[in-house]
Amino acid sequence: MDFIFIEEMRVEANVGIYDRERAAPQTLDLSLTFGVPDEAAQDDDITKTIDYAVVIARIREELAARHFNLLETLGEFVIGLLLDEFRAPWVKVSIAKVGIARGVKRVGVQIERARQEKQ
């Protein structure tokens, strides 16, 4: 399996349970790695892979329109988007809040999932 990665994509998102977090969007760093069909490289055909520009635009669009209490829930949402809408066979996401705690650069989660094929 081949993989595409997107590293340290900065997004603004409404996430958090504390009043200060709910007051305004927060800056998040997202890093994604997801599987793509091997045949895309063999055929040099964008239609046989996942277009990372479309993935980036969809994530930005969805995160601008939603609120998540937990980073874990936001991560599961992003993974679901890649598995279901883009048909990625495998996804790993890392999401971090930037500068959220004094003396801490980033706080975040990592989640990894594979698409379950229906029998």
Protein backbone atom coordinates (compact mmCIF):
# COMPACT_ATOMS: atom_id res chain seq x y z
CA MET A 1 0.00 0.00 0.00
CA ASP A 2 1.20 3.49 -0.81
CA PHE A 3 0.61 6.41 1.55
CA ILE A 4 0.00 10.13 1.28
CA PHE A 5 0.91 12.35 4.21
CA ILE A 6 -0.09 15.87 5.14
CA GLU A 7 2.02 17.31 7.95
CA GLU A 8 1.27 20.13 10.36
CA MET A 9 -1.74 21.50 8.52
CA ARG A 10 -2.88 24.53 10.52
CA VAL A 11 -6.64 24.86 10.91
CA GLU A 12 -8.97 26.94 13.00
CA ALA A 13 -11.57 24.81 14.77
CA ASN A 14 -14.18 25.09 17.48
CA VAL A 15 -13.10 22.47 19.99
CA GLY A 16 -13.10 22.28 23.74
CA ILE A 17 -15.19 22.02 26.85
CA TYR A 18 -13.99 25.07 28.78
CA ASP A 19 -15.64 28.48 28.38
CA ARG A 20 -12.38 30.01 27.14
CA GLU A 21 -12.19 27.30 24.46
CA ARG A 22 -15.78 27.85 23.38
CA ALA A 23 -15.33 31.62 23.05
CA ALA A 24 -13.36 31.48 19.80
CA PRO A 25 -11.87 29.00 17.35
CA GLN A 26 -8.51 27.52 18.29
CA THR A 27 -5.49 26.83 16.15
CA LEU A 28 -4.86 23.14 15.64
CA ASP A 29 -2.05 21.24 13.95
CA LEU A 30 -3.28 18.24 11.98
CA SER A 31 -1.03 15.59 10.52
CA LEU A 32 -2.51 12.82 8.42
CA THR A 33 -1.19 9.70 6.78
CA PHE A 34 -3.57 7.63 4.69
CA GLY A 35 -3.36 4.67 2.38
CA VAL A 36 -3.99 4.98 -1.35
CA PRO A 37 -4.20 2.39 -4.13
CA ASP A 38 -0.84 1.28 -5.55
CA GLU A 39 -2.25 1.53 -9.08
CA ALA A 40 -2.25 5.34 -8.97
CA ALA A 41 1.56 5.42 -9.17
CA GLN A 42 1.61 2.71 -11.81
CA ASP A 43 -0.84 4.54 -14.08
CA ASP A 44 0.16 8.12 -13.19
CA ASP A 45 -3.57 8.87 -12.89
CA ILE A 46 -5.00 11.27 -10.28
CA THR A 47 -8.42 9.61 -10.55
CA LYS A 48 -6.95 6.41 -9.09
CA THR A 49 -5.71 8.04 -5.89
CA ILE A 50 -6.93 10.47 -3.23
CA ASP A 51 -6.40 14.12 -4.13
CA TYR A 52 -4.77 15.69 -1.07
CA ALA A 53 -5.93 19.18 -2.10
CA VAL A 54 -9.54 17.98 -1.95
CA VAL A 55 -8.90 16.33 1.44
CA ILE A 56 -7.44 19.56 2.84
CA ALA A 57 -10.36 21.64 1.56
CA ARG A 58 -12.97 19.19 2.95
CA ILE A 59 -11.35 19.10 6.38
CA ARG A 60 -11.16 22.90 6.58
CA GLU A 61 -14.78 23.20 5.43
CA GLU A 62 -16.09 20.67 7.96
CA LEU A 63 -14.09 21.95 10.93
CA ALA A 64 -15.26 25.52 10.28
CA ALA A 65 -18.89 24.39 10.47
CA ARG A 66 -18.81 22.16 13.59
CA HIS A 67 -18.01 22.18 17.29
CA PHE A 68 -16.35 19.26 19.03
CA ASN A 69 -15.98 18.92 22.78
CA LEU A 70 -13.00 16.57 22.53
CA LEU A 71 -10.01 16.26 20.22
CA GLU A 72 -10.71 12.53 20.22
CA THR A 73 -14.14 13.12 18.68
CA LEU A 74 -12.71 15.55 16.14
CA GLY A 75 -10.08 12.96 15.23
CA GLU A 76 -12.66 10.21 14.78
CA PHE A 77 -14.67 12.58 12.55
CA VAL A 78 -11.64 13.29 10.32
CA ILE A 79 -10.82 9.59 10.13
CA GLY A 80 -14.42 8.78 9.21
CA LEU A 81 -14.26 11.35 6.43
CA LEU A 82 -11.14 9.72 4.97
CA LEU A 83 -12.39 6.15 5.37
CA ASP A 84 -15.95 6.71 4.17
CA GLU A 85 -15.94 9.62 1.73
CA PHE A 86 -12.46 9.18 0.27
CA ARG A 87 -12.36 5.37 0.66
CA ALA A 88 -8.88 5.35 2.21
CA PRO A 89 -8.12 1.84 3.46
CA TRP A 90 -6.11 3.08 6.45
CA VAL A 91 -5.74 6.44 8.22
CA LYS A 92 -3.58 7.82 11.00
CA VAL A 93 -4.28 11.30 12.35
CA SER A 94 -2.45 13.42 14.88
CA ILE A 95 -4.22 16.52 16.18
CA ALA A 96 -2.73 19.03 18.59
CA LYS A 97 -3.89 22.24 20.22
CA VAL A 98 -1.14 24.83 19.92
CA GLY A 99 -0.10 26.87 22.97
CA ILE A 100 -3.07 25.71 25.04
CA ALA A 101 -1.23 25.31 28.34
CA ARG A 102 1.46 27.47 29.88
CA GLY A 103 4.91 26.08 29.20
CA VAL A 104 3.53 23.41 26.84
CA LYS A 105 4.04 23.68 23.09
CA ARG A 106 1.25 21.30 22.01
CA VAL A 107 -1.31 18.93 23.52
CA GLY A 108 -3.05 16.40 21.34
CA VAL A 109 -4.15 12.92 20.30
CA GLN A 110 -3.14 10.32 17.75
CA ILE A 111 -5.66 7.90 16.30
CA GLU A 112 -5.21 5.13 13.76
CA ARG A 113 -8.01 3.19 12.05
CA ALA A 114 -8.52 0.87 9.08
CA ARG A 115 -11.66 0.56 6.98
CA GLN A 116 -13.66 -2.53 7.81
CA GLU A 117 -14.82 -4.28 4.68
CA LYS A 118 -18.37 -5.60 4.73
CA GLN A 119 -18.61 -9.34 4.25
